N, C-alpha and C. Protein backbone atom coordinates (compact mmCIF):
# COMPACT_ATOMS: atom_id res chain seq x y z
N MET A 1 198.64 79.86 98.09
CA MET A 1 198.53 80.16 99.86
C MET A 1 199.78 81.35 99.80
N ASP A 2 199.26 82.20 100.49
CA ASP A 2 200.19 83.65 100.98
C ASP A 2 201.19 82.94 102.01
N LEU A 3 202.55 83.16 101.96
CA LEU A 3 203.70 82.48 102.49
C LEU A 3 203.79 83.39 104.00
N THR A 4 203.29 84.73 104.12
CA THR A 4 203.20 84.98 105.05
C THR A 4 202.27 84.67 106.08
N VAL A 5 201.44 84.19 105.47
CA VAL A 5 200.17 83.42 106.27
C VAL A 5 201.05 82.05 106.92
N VAL A 6 201.48 81.35 105.81
CA VAL A 6 202.10 79.98 106.34
C VAL A 6 203.17 80.21 107.52
N SER A 7 204.34 81.48 107.22
CA SER A 7 204.82 81.59 108.07
C SER A 7 204.21 82.01 109.51
N TYR A 8 203.12 82.74 109.63
CA TYR A 8 202.54 82.92 110.88
C TYR A 8 202.00 81.39 111.41
N ALA A 9 201.47 80.68 110.50
CA ALA A 9 200.91 79.45 111.41
C ALA A 9 202.03 78.58 111.60
N VAL A 10 203.18 78.29 111.00
CA VAL A 10 204.42 77.45 111.38
C VAL A 10 204.86 78.04 112.81
N TYR A 11 204.76 79.56 112.79
CA TYR A 11 205.71 80.16 114.05
C TYR A 11 204.20 79.74 115.09
N LEU A 12 203.39 80.17 115.21
CA LEU A 12 202.42 79.79 116.15
C LEU A 12 202.39 78.32 116.74
N LEU A 13 202.51 77.43 115.71
CA LEU A 13 202.42 76.01 116.36
C LEU A 13 203.94 75.90 116.88
N ILE A 14 204.99 76.09 116.36
CA ILE A 14 206.38 76.05 117.10
C ILE A 14 206.61 76.53 118.64
N CYS A 15 205.53 78.05 118.45
CA CYS A 15 205.79 78.44 119.77
C CYS A 15 204.98 78.21 120.55
N LEU A 16 203.75 77.24 120.58
CA LEU A 16 202.57 76.56 121.45
C LEU A 16 203.37 75.65 121.97
N GLY A 17 203.98 74.83 120.92
CA GLY A 17 204.91 73.50 121.16
C GLY A 17 205.86 73.90 122.26
N LEU A 18 207.28 75.03 122.01
CA LEU A 18 207.98 75.44 122.86
C LEU A 18 207.56 75.65 124.10
N THR A 19 206.27 76.65 124.05
CA THR A 19 206.04 76.97 125.33
C THR A 19 205.18 75.66 126.31
N ILE A 20 204.50 75.09 125.66
CA ILE A 20 203.97 73.79 126.53
C ILE A 20 205.29 72.97 127.33
N TRP A 21 206.07 72.69 126.35
CA TRP A 21 207.53 71.92 126.60
C TRP A 21 208.19 72.24 127.85
N VAL A 22 208.37 73.82 127.81
CA VAL A 22 209.38 74.64 128.59
C VAL A 22 208.45 74.59 130.04
N ALA A 23 207.34 74.68 129.92
CA ALA A 23 206.80 75.24 131.11
C ALA A 23 206.11 73.50 131.80
N ARG A 24 206.10 72.66 131.39
CA ARG A 24 206.23 71.68 131.84
C ARG A 24 207.16 70.61 132.36
N THR A 25 208.29 71.14 131.59
CA THR A 25 209.48 70.68 132.24
C THR A 25 210.12 71.24 133.37
N LEU A 26 209.82 72.97 133.23
CA LEU A 26 209.91 73.80 134.60
C LEU A 26 208.99 73.38 135.74
N SER A 27 208.03 73.10 135.49
CA SER A 27 207.32 72.80 136.81
C SER A 27 207.32 71.64 137.32
N ARG A 28 207.95 70.37 136.23
CA ARG A 28 208.42 69.17 136.76
C ARG A 28 209.20 69.10 137.31
N ASN A 29 210.65 69.78 137.29
CA ASN A 29 211.71 69.89 137.56
C ASN A 29 212.03 71.03 138.81
N GLY A 30 210.85 72.26 138.82
CA GLY A 30 211.17 73.47 139.93
C GLY A 30 210.28 72.85 140.82
N GLN A 31 209.67 71.88 141.40
CA GLN A 31 208.67 71.46 142.16
C GLN A 31 209.75 71.27 143.44
N ILE A 32 210.94 70.37 143.17
CA ILE A 32 211.87 69.70 144.20
C ILE A 32 212.68 71.49 144.95
N PHE A 33 212.84 72.09 143.70
CA PHE A 33 213.34 73.49 144.12
C PHE A 33 212.61 74.53 145.09
N LEU A 34 211.10 74.38 144.82
CA LEU A 34 210.31 75.19 145.45
C LEU A 34 209.55 74.75 146.89
N ALA A 35 210.06 73.30 146.87
CA ALA A 35 209.95 72.57 148.31
C ALA A 35 211.04 72.83 148.90
N ASP A 36 212.08 73.26 148.62
CA ASP A 36 213.39 73.55 149.86
C ASP A 36 213.21 75.14 149.97
N VAL A 37 212.98 76.16 148.99
CA VAL A 37 212.88 77.34 149.13
C VAL A 37 211.62 77.58 149.91
N LEU A 38 210.45 77.08 150.32
CA LEU A 38 209.63 76.67 151.01
C LEU A 38 209.54 75.94 152.57
N HIS A 39 210.62 75.91 152.85
CA HIS A 39 211.20 74.92 154.01
C HIS A 39 210.47 73.59 153.81
N GLY A 40 210.11 73.14 152.74
CA GLY A 40 209.33 71.77 152.80
C GLY A 40 208.05 71.55 152.80
N ASP A 41 207.38 72.45 152.82
CA ASP A 41 205.99 72.74 152.54
C ASP A 41 205.31 72.10 151.49
N GLU A 42 205.27 71.02 151.11
CA GLU A 42 204.91 70.62 150.02
C GLU A 42 203.48 70.90 149.24
N LYS A 43 202.72 71.13 150.07
CA LYS A 43 201.01 71.55 149.61
C LYS A 43 201.30 73.29 148.85
N LEU A 44 202.14 73.92 149.63
CA LEU A 44 202.11 75.32 149.23
C LEU A 44 203.38 75.57 147.78
N ALA A 45 204.22 74.90 148.24
CA ALA A 45 205.01 74.65 147.25
C ALA A 45 204.43 74.20 145.51
N GLY A 46 203.43 73.30 145.98
CA GLY A 46 202.63 72.92 144.62
C GLY A 46 201.56 73.65 143.89
N ALA A 47 201.06 74.85 145.01
CA ALA A 47 200.63 75.91 144.40
C ALA A 47 200.98 76.85 144.15
N VAL A 48 201.99 77.31 144.36
CA VAL A 48 203.27 78.47 144.02
C VAL A 48 203.86 78.00 142.50
N ASN A 49 203.96 76.74 142.37
CA ASN A 49 204.12 76.05 141.41
C ASN A 49 203.72 76.11 140.05
N HIS A 50 202.05 76.04 140.46
CA HIS A 50 200.74 75.67 139.58
C HIS A 50 200.57 77.38 139.28
N LEU A 51 200.56 78.55 140.17
CA LEU A 51 200.89 79.73 139.76
C LEU A 51 201.88 80.30 139.07
N LEU A 52 203.39 80.10 139.40
CA LEU A 52 204.26 80.27 138.28
C LEU A 52 203.99 79.56 136.87
N VAL A 53 203.16 78.74 136.77
CA VAL A 53 203.12 78.04 135.57
C VAL A 53 202.05 78.80 134.61
N VAL A 54 201.21 78.87 135.40
CA VAL A 54 199.95 79.93 134.58
C VAL A 54 200.24 81.29 134.24
N GLY A 55 201.12 81.94 135.24
CA GLY A 55 201.86 83.09 134.86
C GLY A 55 202.95 83.22 133.70
N PHE A 56 203.80 82.14 133.60
CA PHE A 56 204.55 81.96 132.58
C PHE A 56 203.62 81.48 131.26
N TYR A 57 202.62 80.76 131.22
CA TYR A 57 201.72 80.51 130.15
C TYR A 57 201.25 82.26 129.61
N LEU A 58 200.71 82.80 130.74
CA LEU A 58 200.08 84.15 129.98
C LEU A 58 201.17 84.86 129.21
N VAL A 59 202.52 85.24 130.33
CA VAL A 59 203.52 86.35 129.70
C VAL A 59 203.60 85.56 128.63
N ASN A 60 204.07 84.35 127.96
CA ASN A 60 204.94 83.94 127.04
C ASN A 60 203.83 83.97 126.17
N LEU A 61 202.51 83.26 126.02
CA LEU A 61 201.64 83.23 124.90
C LEU A 61 201.21 84.78 124.63
N GLY A 62 201.01 85.78 125.52
CA GLY A 62 200.79 86.93 125.26
C GLY A 62 202.04 87.54 124.47
N PHE A 63 203.04 87.49 124.72
CA PHE A 63 204.27 87.93 123.74
C PHE A 63 204.11 87.26 122.31
N VAL A 64 204.20 86.11 122.20
CA VAL A 64 204.14 85.51 121.36
C VAL A 64 203.11 85.67 120.19
N ALA A 65 201.75 86.31 121.03
CA ALA A 65 200.82 86.86 120.17
C ALA A 65 200.71 88.32 119.61
N LEU A 66 201.49 89.11 120.66
CA LEU A 66 202.05 90.42 120.35
C LEU A 66 202.88 90.36 119.22
N TYR A 67 203.87 89.49 119.14
CA TYR A 67 205.32 89.54 118.03
C TYR A 67 204.66 88.82 116.92
N LEU A 68 203.41 88.40 116.72
CA LEU A 68 203.13 87.80 115.31
C LEU A 68 203.22 88.34 114.37
N GLN A 69 202.63 89.79 114.50
CA GLN A 69 203.01 90.74 113.33
C GLN A 69 204.11 90.90 112.44
N ASP A 70 204.08 90.80 111.16
CA ASP A 70 205.17 91.47 110.65
C ASP A 70 204.89 92.18 109.60
N ASP A 71 205.71 93.56 109.40
CA ASP A 71 205.47 94.62 108.41
C ASP A 71 205.56 94.09 107.02
N SER A 72 207.08 93.06 107.23
CA SER A 72 207.20 92.93 105.90
C SER A 72 206.48 91.33 105.08
N ALA A 73 206.14 91.75 103.89
CA ALA A 73 205.64 90.37 103.23
C ALA A 73 206.61 89.42 102.91
N VAL A 74 205.95 87.99 103.13
CA VAL A 74 206.89 87.33 103.04
C VAL A 74 206.84 86.35 101.85
N THR A 75 207.99 86.34 100.19
CA THR A 75 207.47 86.23 99.36
C THR A 75 208.08 84.75 98.19
N ASN A 76 209.04 84.26 99.43
CA ASN A 76 209.62 82.93 99.19
C ASN A 76 210.08 82.17 100.10
N ALA A 77 210.66 80.76 99.56
CA ALA A 77 210.78 79.99 100.72
C ALA A 77 211.86 80.45 102.01
N ARG A 78 212.83 81.20 101.37
CA ARG A 78 213.82 81.54 102.18
C ARG A 78 213.65 82.70 102.92
N GLY A 79 212.40 83.55 102.48
CA GLY A 79 211.85 84.66 103.89
C GLY A 79 211.15 84.15 104.55
N VAL A 80 210.67 82.65 104.37
CA VAL A 80 209.73 81.99 105.48
C VAL A 80 210.52 81.62 106.40
N PHE A 81 212.06 81.21 105.96
CA PHE A 81 213.02 80.94 107.22
C PHE A 81 213.68 82.03 108.05
N GLU A 82 213.71 83.23 107.10
CA GLU A 82 214.50 83.89 107.73
C GLU A 82 213.63 84.78 108.93
N THR A 83 211.95 85.00 108.41
CA THR A 83 210.85 85.43 109.41
C THR A 83 211.09 84.20 110.48
N LEU A 84 210.69 83.05 110.31
CA LEU A 84 210.81 81.89 111.57
C LEU A 84 211.78 82.24 112.54
N SER A 85 213.10 82.19 111.93
CA SER A 85 214.50 82.23 112.71
C SER A 85 214.77 83.09 113.52
N ARG A 86 214.39 84.76 113.01
CA ARG A 86 213.79 86.08 113.63
C ARG A 86 212.92 85.60 114.96
N LYS A 87 211.88 85.56 114.42
CA LYS A 87 210.67 85.34 115.25
C LYS A 87 210.88 84.42 116.72
N LEU A 88 211.82 83.04 116.15
CA LEU A 88 211.57 82.25 117.14
C LEU A 88 212.75 82.24 117.77
N GLY A 89 213.86 82.95 117.62
CA GLY A 89 215.09 83.61 118.36
C GLY A 89 214.70 83.99 119.17
N VAL A 90 214.02 85.38 119.07
CA VAL A 90 213.35 86.67 120.16
C VAL A 90 212.45 85.45 120.98
N VAL A 91 211.50 84.88 120.60
CA VAL A 91 210.79 84.23 122.10
C VAL A 91 211.56 83.28 122.61
N LEU A 92 212.70 82.51 121.96
CA LEU A 92 213.32 81.68 123.16
C LEU A 92 214.19 82.40 123.82
N LEU A 93 214.81 83.52 123.47
CA LEU A 93 215.52 84.54 123.98
C LEU A 93 214.47 85.10 125.16
N VAL A 94 213.32 85.48 125.36
CA VAL A 94 212.28 86.07 126.08
C VAL A 94 212.47 84.71 126.80
N LEU A 95 211.78 83.59 126.62
CA LEU A 95 211.63 82.38 127.25
C LEU A 95 213.00 82.14 128.37
N GLY A 96 214.12 82.14 127.69
CA GLY A 96 215.17 82.50 128.62
C GLY A 96 215.64 83.22 129.73
N VAL A 97 215.16 84.24 129.40
CA VAL A 97 215.27 85.49 130.69
C VAL A 97 214.24 85.58 131.63
N MET A 98 213.41 85.00 131.14
CA MET A 98 212.21 84.73 132.15
C MET A 98 212.32 83.58 133.33
N HIS A 99 212.73 82.64 132.34
CA HIS A 99 213.35 81.59 133.46
C HIS A 99 214.42 82.03 134.20
N LEU A 100 215.58 82.86 133.59
CA LEU A 100 216.81 82.97 134.38
C LEU A 100 216.13 83.95 135.67
N GLY A 101 215.23 84.62 135.32
CA GLY A 101 214.99 85.92 136.54
C GLY A 101 214.06 85.33 137.57
N ASN A 102 213.08 84.40 136.80
CA ASN A 102 212.52 83.17 138.15
C ASN A 102 213.60 82.58 138.99
N VAL A 103 214.79 81.95 138.31
CA VAL A 103 215.44 81.29 139.39
C VAL A 103 216.13 82.16 140.21
N TYR A 104 216.50 83.28 139.31
CA TYR A 104 217.11 84.33 140.46
C TYR A 104 216.65 84.58 141.76
N ALA A 105 215.33 84.89 141.33
CA ALA A 105 214.15 85.47 142.30
C ALA A 105 214.40 84.60 143.33
N LEU A 106 213.92 83.00 143.08
CA LEU A 106 213.88 82.12 143.85
C LEU A 106 214.77 81.94 144.88
N ASN A 107 215.80 81.62 143.97
CA ASN A 107 217.64 81.56 144.88
C ASN A 107 217.71 82.65 145.90
N LYS A 108 217.45 83.61 145.73
CA LYS A 108 217.52 84.91 146.32
C LYS A 108 216.37 84.23 147.79
N PHE A 109 215.26 84.20 147.46
CA PHE A 109 214.35 83.62 148.72
C PHE A 109 214.93 82.50 149.65
N ARG A 110 215.68 81.31 148.65
CA ARG A 110 216.00 80.56 149.12
C ARG A 110 217.46 80.60 150.17
N ARG A 111 218.18 81.44 149.74
CA ARG A 111 219.46 81.88 150.64
C ARG A 111 219.14 82.41 151.60
N ARG A 112 217.44 83.93 151.47
CA ARG A 112 217.28 84.28 153.00
C ARG A 112 216.51 83.44 153.90
N GLY A 113 216.32 82.41 153.38
CA GLY A 113 215.53 81.28 154.23
C GLY A 113 216.61 80.26 154.97
N MET A 114 217.69 80.40 154.16
CA MET A 114 218.58 79.39 154.82
C MET A 114 219.14 79.98 155.70
N THR A 115 219.73 81.41 155.64
CA THR A 115 220.56 82.34 156.27
C THR A 115 219.11 82.64 157.70
N ASP A 116 218.37 82.48 157.29
CA ASP A 116 217.25 82.59 158.55
C ASP A 116 217.18 81.43 159.69
N ARG A 117 217.24 80.34 159.05
CA ARG A 117 217.25 78.76 159.21
C ARG A 117 218.40 78.67 160.49
N GLY A 118 219.88 79.53 160.03
CA GLY A 118 220.74 79.36 160.29
C GLY A 118 220.86 80.21 161.72
N GLN A 119 220.57 81.12 161.95
CA GLN A 119 220.20 82.23 162.71
C GLN A 119 219.68 81.55 164.16
N LEU A 120 218.96 80.59 163.92
CA LEU A 120 217.77 80.21 165.16
C LEU A 120 219.00 79.57 166.00
N PRO A 121 219.10 79.41 167.39
CA PRO A 121 219.86 78.49 168.20
C PRO A 121 219.27 76.93 168.37
N PRO A 122 220.10 76.18 168.15
CA PRO A 122 219.62 74.73 168.31
C PRO A 122 218.98 74.09 169.62
N VAL A 123 218.79 75.25 170.64
CA VAL A 123 218.28 74.98 172.04
C VAL A 123 217.89 76.50 172.52
N PRO A 124 216.72 76.56 172.74
CA PRO A 124 216.54 77.50 173.45
C PRO A 124 217.20 78.24 174.75
N PRO A 125 217.30 79.33 174.85
CA PRO A 125 218.08 79.84 175.77
C PRO A 125 217.60 79.35 177.19
N GLN A 126 218.25 78.98 178.27
CA GLN A 126 217.52 78.22 179.39
C GLN A 126 217.97 79.25 180.49
N GLY A 127 218.78 80.16 180.24
CA GLY A 127 219.10 81.26 181.56
C GLY A 127 220.18 82.33 180.82
N TRP A 128 220.71 83.04 182.05
CA TRP A 128 221.71 84.09 181.80
C TRP A 128 222.65 83.83 182.09
N HIS A 129 224.17 84.45 181.29
CA HIS A 129 225.54 83.74 181.90
C HIS A 129 226.01 85.26 182.47
N THR A 130 226.36 85.43 183.52
CA THR A 130 227.00 86.52 184.35
C THR A 130 228.43 86.50 184.66
N ALA A 131 228.80 87.54 184.68
CA ALA A 131 230.38 87.56 185.43
C ALA A 131 230.40 87.16 186.45
N PRO A 132 231.79 86.13 186.78
CA PRO A 132 232.09 85.76 187.87
C PRO A 132 232.13 86.79 189.22
N GLN A 133 231.72 86.38 190.09
CA GLN A 133 231.29 86.97 191.69
C GLN A 133 233.00 87.88 191.75
N GLY A 134 232.86 88.80 192.12
CA GLY A 134 233.88 89.81 192.06
C GLY A 134 234.10 90.62 190.71
N HIS A 135 234.21 90.04 189.72
CA HIS A 135 234.16 90.77 188.43
C HIS A 135 232.56 91.79 188.14
N PRO A 136 233.13 92.49 187.43
CA PRO A 136 231.91 93.78 187.34
C PRO A 136 231.31 92.67 185.77
N GLY A 137 230.03 92.90 185.76
CA GLY A 137 229.42 92.53 184.02
C GLY A 137 229.60 93.63 183.71
N PRO A 138 228.98 93.45 182.38
CA PRO A 138 228.79 94.55 181.15
C PRO A 138 228.38 96.19 181.76
N GLN A 139 229.36 96.94 181.46
CA GLN A 139 229.21 98.51 181.76
C GLN A 139 229.50 98.23 183.49
N GLY A 140 230.40 97.45 184.12
CA GLY A 140 230.37 97.49 185.34
C GLY A 140 228.98 97.05 186.57
N TYR A 141 228.08 96.78 185.93
CA TYR A 141 226.92 95.91 186.73
C TYR A 141 226.80 94.64 186.79
N PRO A 142 226.61 94.09 187.81
CA PRO A 142 226.49 92.66 187.79
C PRO A 142 225.47 92.44 187.56
N GLY A 143 225.42 91.51 186.75
CA GLY A 143 224.05 91.06 185.96
C GLY A 143 222.98 90.16 186.84
N PRO A 144 221.93 89.44 186.38
CA PRO A 144 220.85 88.92 187.23
C PRO A 144 221.80 87.45 187.61
N GLN A 145 221.51 86.89 188.60
CA GLN A 145 222.14 85.54 188.82
C GLN A 145 220.95 84.61 188.35
N GLY A 146 221.45 84.06 187.12
CA GLY A 146 220.79 83.12 186.63
C GLY A 146 221.58 81.48 186.79
N PRO A 147 221.08 80.92 186.12
CA PRO A 147 221.35 78.96 186.18
C PRO A 147 222.91 78.88 185.94
N TRP A 148 223.79 80.02 185.13
CA TRP A 148 224.87 79.94 185.05
C TRP A 148 225.62 80.76 185.75
N ALA A 149 225.35 81.23 186.94
CA ALA A 149 226.07 81.89 187.17
C ALA A 149 227.19 81.29 188.61
N THR A 150 228.25 82.13 188.62
CA THR A 150 228.83 81.39 189.67
C THR A 150 228.93 81.19 191.21
N PRO A 151 228.72 79.79 191.72
CA PRO A 151 228.32 79.75 193.20
C PRO A 151 229.12 80.66 193.78
N ALA A 152 228.31 81.48 194.77
CA ALA A 152 228.29 82.55 195.82
C ALA A 152 230.13 81.86 196.57
N GLY A 153 230.18 80.71 196.72
CA GLY A 153 231.55 80.56 197.50
C GLY A 153 232.47 80.67 197.19
N GLN A 154 232.51 80.81 195.57
CA GLN A 154 233.91 80.88 194.89
C GLN A 154 234.68 82.07 194.54
């Protein structure tokens, strides 16, 4: 049997196993993170999580398939290991970069959501604040008399 074909088969089996393991791990552990990013909407977090997993499979398996071809012929056992280590190393680096990119993007969304949540007042405004009687308001104009205005007799 040709050792190049053996290295291809081993490469595909290992890459397929790694891709499935990483996708399941990220999906299972990313669900909580996505729920936080999406303000507790569990149904939307599940849908986004599923879409991310499908995209992960498509991109990674597409890369694995494109990176399968090798112009050098493998002639001995040492060549099989060298070819596999080079190919698997590149696939693992691509997996890591994809993962870090996703975490970075989701963290940006999460931080923006936390900032947006922090800008809302805890109680809706109930009136206006005006300058005390006899003192000019902003730009010298007295503001409208709201529930926080100073009583007229003071």
